[in-house]
Amino acid sequence: MWLLILGFVLFLGAHLSPGVLGLREQLVARLGEGRFLGVYIGTSVTGMVCIIAGKAIAPEIELWEPPDWGAKVTLLFVAVGFILMAALLLPTNIRRFTRHPMLWGMTAWAAGHLLANGDLASMILFGGFGGFALISIRSLTRRGARKSTVKVPLWRDAVVLAAGLGAWVVMLRSHSFLFGT
């Protein structure tokens, strides 16, 4: 479990300290832009590797029994999450309703998985990413992120919908191979 937690400390530290704590400018001034990006990317990747490896080797410690309907609802939440994450790729009308489609997509993905998993490692993994997304939404909003006011052609929304659902189907079909469940 320690590797999973270490991964989150590294990943969240790299992602939250520059913006949420306002340290980016100080770190760039001290390290320079190139070194800052190197440390940021290196810490993020190391954190993600630790998260993946830590979840894979974490002991199965049940905290609660997920509801029978949890897995079915998860399918819907994750589909919505993939669509919202795909909205990051193209300007869409989705951005007229939310400033942060990718982060809301991550929140939906995490919430769905929390409904279907009651073990400690899953709580850390999905709760960690869901919490990260919500903290990031708040931080970015406070720093001035705005919804788009531009209407774009509906075909872009259709492309994002198809891309998100396509990625969801691929993940759904490969989930047991990749994650064993």
Protein backbone atom coordinates (compact mmCIF):
# COMPACT_ATOMS: atom_id res chain seq x y z
CA MET A 1 0.00 0.00 0.00
CA TRP A 2 2.95 2.29 0.67
CA LEU A 3 3.88 2.38 -3.04
CA LEU A 4 0.36 3.48 -4.01
CA ILE A 5 0.41 6.24 -1.39
CA LEU A 6 3.93 7.34 -2.40
CA GLY A 7 2.72 7.52 -6.00
CA PHE A 8 -0.11 9.83 -5.02
CA VAL A 9 2.17 12.03 -2.94
CA LEU A 10 4.46 12.46 -5.96
CA PHE A 11 1.70 12.82 -8.56
CA LEU A 12 -0.46 15.19 -6.53
CA GLY A 13 2.55 17.14 -5.32
CA ALA A 14 3.70 17.70 -8.89
CA HIS A 15 0.24 18.66 -10.13
CA LEU A 16 -1.15 20.66 -7.24
CA SER A 17 1.79 22.59 -5.80
CA PRO A 18 2.48 24.77 -8.88
CA GLY A 19 -1.10 26.01 -9.26
CA VAL A 20 -2.98 25.45 -6.01
CA LEU A 21 -0.12 26.56 -3.79
CA GLY A 22 1.06 29.19 -6.28
CA LEU A 23 4.61 27.84 -6.40
CA ARG A 24 5.05 27.66 -10.18
CA GLU A 25 6.57 31.13 -10.58
CA GLN A 26 8.95 30.59 -7.65
CA LEU A 27 10.05 27.20 -8.97
CA VAL A 28 10.58 28.52 -12.51
CA ALA A 29 12.57 31.47 -11.14
CA ARG A 30 14.76 29.11 -9.10
CA LEU A 31 15.12 26.24 -11.62
CA GLY A 32 14.41 27.83 -14.98
CA GLU A 33 11.53 26.79 -17.27
CA GLY A 34 13.30 23.75 -18.74
CA ARG A 35 14.39 22.27 -15.41
CA PHE A 36 11.01 23.00 -13.87
CA LEU A 37 9.27 21.10 -16.67
CA GLY A 38 11.78 18.26 -16.33
CA VAL A 39 11.15 17.95 -12.58
CA TYR A 40 7.39 18.29 -13.11
CA ILE A 41 7.23 15.62 -15.83
CA GLY A 42 9.69 13.31 -14.07
CA THR A 43 7.83 13.53 -10.76
CA SER A 44 4.46 13.05 -12.48
CA VAL A 45 5.59 9.99 -14.43
CA THR A 46 7.31 8.48 -11.40
CA GLY A 47 4.16 9.07 -9.36
CA MET A 48 1.96 7.44 -12.00
CA VAL A 49 4.26 4.40 -12.24
CA CYS A 50 4.16 4.05 -8.44
CA ILE A 51 0.35 4.39 -8.45
CA ILE A 52 -0.06 1.66 -11.08
CA ALA A 53 2.47 -0.69 -9.48
CA GLY A 54 1.17 0.06 -5.98
CA LYS A 55 -2.43 -0.72 -6.93
CA ALA A 56 -1.32 -3.95 -8.63
CA ILE A 57 0.47 -5.26 -5.53
CA ALA A 58 -1.80 -3.77 -2.85
CA PRO A 59 -3.39 -6.28 -0.48
CA GLU A 60 -7.15 -6.78 -0.75
CA ILE A 61 -8.51 -4.99 2.32
CA GLU A 62 -12.31 -4.75 2.12
CA LEU A 63 -13.80 -1.66 3.76
CA TRP A 64 -17.40 -2.05 2.63
CA GLU A 65 -19.57 -4.13 0.34
CA PRO A 66 -20.42 -2.23 -2.86
CA PRO A 67 -24.13 -2.22 -3.76
CA ASP A 68 -25.29 -4.72 -6.38
CA TRP A 69 -26.21 -1.88 -8.72
CA GLY A 70 -22.81 -0.18 -8.32
CA ALA A 71 -21.16 -1.92 -11.28
CA LYS A 72 -24.05 -1.07 -13.62
CA VAL A 73 -24.06 2.60 -12.63
CA THR A 74 -20.29 2.63 -13.04
CA LEU A 75 -20.71 1.84 -16.74
CA LEU A 76 -22.81 4.99 -17.19
CA PHE A 77 -20.50 7.20 -15.08
CA VAL A 78 -17.41 6.00 -16.94
CA ALA A 79 -19.06 6.49 -20.36
CA VAL A 80 -19.90 10.08 -19.39
CA GLY A 81 -16.36 10.47 -18.07
CA PHE A 82 -14.81 9.33 -21.35
CA ILE A 83 -17.02 11.69 -23.35
CA LEU A 84 -16.09 14.63 -21.13
CA MET A 85 -12.39 13.73 -21.29
CA ALA A 86 -12.63 13.57 -25.09
CA ALA A 87 -14.07 17.11 -25.04
CA LEU A 88 -10.56 18.27 -24.20
CA LEU A 89 -9.49 17.39 -27.75
CA LEU A 90 -11.77 19.70 -29.75
CA PRO A 91 -13.59 22.95 -29.13
CA THR A 92 -17.15 21.76 -28.46
CA ASN A 93 -20.38 23.14 -27.09
CA ILE A 94 -19.67 21.13 -23.94
CA ARG A 95 -17.20 23.88 -23.02
CA ARG A 96 -20.13 26.32 -22.94
CA PHE A 97 -21.54 24.37 -19.98
CA THR A 98 -18.34 23.59 -18.08
CA ARG A 99 -14.90 25.17 -17.90
CA HIS A 100 -13.28 21.85 -17.08
CA PRO A 101 -14.67 18.94 -19.13
CA MET A 102 -11.63 16.71 -18.61
CA LEU A 103 -11.63 17.20 -14.84
CA TRP A 104 -15.38 16.57 -14.62
CA GLY A 105 -14.79 13.47 -16.73
CA MET A 106 -12.16 12.29 -14.28
CA THR A 107 -14.59 12.98 -11.43
CA ALA A 108 -17.31 10.89 -13.10
CA TRP A 109 -14.82 8.07 -13.80
CA ALA A 110 -13.64 8.10 -10.17
CA ALA A 111 -17.15 8.32 -8.68
CA GLY A 112 -18.32 5.41 -10.79
CA HIS A 113 -15.42 3.26 -9.69
CA LEU A 114 -15.98 4.17 -6.04
CA LEU A 115 -19.54 2.81 -6.38
CA ALA A 116 -18.24 -0.53 -7.66
CA ASN A 117 -15.21 -1.08 -5.39
CA GLY A 118 -15.11 -1.25 -1.62
CA ASP A 119 -11.45 -2.08 -0.99
CA LEU A 120 -8.89 0.26 0.53
CA ALA A 121 -6.56 0.41 -2.49
CA SER A 122 -9.51 1.36 -4.75
CA MET A 123 -10.60 4.02 -2.27
CA ILE A 124 -7.11 5.50 -2.39
CA LEU A 125 -6.84 5.22 -6.19
CA PHE A 126 -10.27 6.48 -7.25
CA GLY A 127 -10.81 8.76 -4.27
CA GLY A 128 -7.36 10.25 -4.88
CA PHE A 129 -8.02 11.00 -8.54
CA GLY A 130 -11.56 12.22 -7.84
CA GLY A 131 -10.31 14.51 -5.07
CA PHE A 132 -7.48 15.73 -7.30
CA ALA A 133 -9.99 16.61 -10.04
CA LEU A 134 -12.30 18.49 -7.67
CA ILE A 135 -9.42 20.44 -6.08
CA SER A 136 -8.12 21.29 -9.56
CA ILE A 137 -11.56 22.48 -10.71
CA ARG A 138 -11.80 24.80 -7.71
CA SER A 139 -8.26 26.08 -8.15
CA LEU A 140 -8.60 26.74 -11.89
CA THR A 141 -11.95 28.46 -11.37
CA ARG A 142 -10.47 30.72 -8.69
CA ARG A 143 -7.64 31.59 -11.07
CA GLY A 144 -10.13 32.78 -13.70
CA ALA A 145 -11.03 29.82 -15.91
CA ARG A 146 -14.16 30.67 -17.90
CA LYS A 147 -16.77 28.77 -19.84
CA SER A 148 -16.62 29.25 -23.57
CA THR A 149 -19.15 31.62 -25.10
CA VAL A 150 -18.50 30.42 -28.65
CA LYS A 151 -21.06 28.19 -30.35
CA VAL A 152 -19.35 25.59 -32.51
CA PRO A 153 -20.85 23.32 -35.17
CA LEU A 154 -22.67 20.29 -33.79
CA TRP A 155 -20.48 17.94 -35.81
CA ARG A 156 -17.67 18.65 -33.33
CA ASP A 157 -19.89 17.51 -30.48
CA ALA A 158 -20.74 14.39 -32.50
CA VAL A 159 -17.03 13.68 -33.04
CA VAL A 160 -16.32 14.05 -29.31
CA LEU A 161 -19.30 11.85 -28.47
CA ALA A 162 -18.12 9.16 -30.90
CA ALA A 163 -14.50 9.40 -29.70
CA GLY A 164 -15.50 9.22 -26.05
CA LEU A 165 -17.85 6.29 -26.54
CA GLY A 166 -15.33 4.55 -28.79
CA ALA A 167 -12.61 4.85 -26.15
CA TRP A 168 -15.12 3.65 -23.53
CA VAL A 169 -15.95 0.53 -25.58
CA VAL A 170 -12.25 -0.24 -26.11
CA MET A 171 -11.59 0.13 -22.38
CA LEU A 172 -14.66 -1.93 -21.51
CA ARG A 173 -13.50 -4.79 -23.75
CA SER A 174 -9.90 -4.68 -22.52
CA HIS A 175 -10.59 -3.94 -18.84
CA SER A 176 -10.32 -7.53 -17.58
CA PHE A 177 -7.12 -8.08 -19.56
CA LEU A 178 -5.54 -4.85 -18.27
CA PHE A 179 -6.83 -4.83 -14.71
CA GLY A 180 -8.09 -8.35 -14.01
CA THR A 181 -11.69 -7.28 -13.33
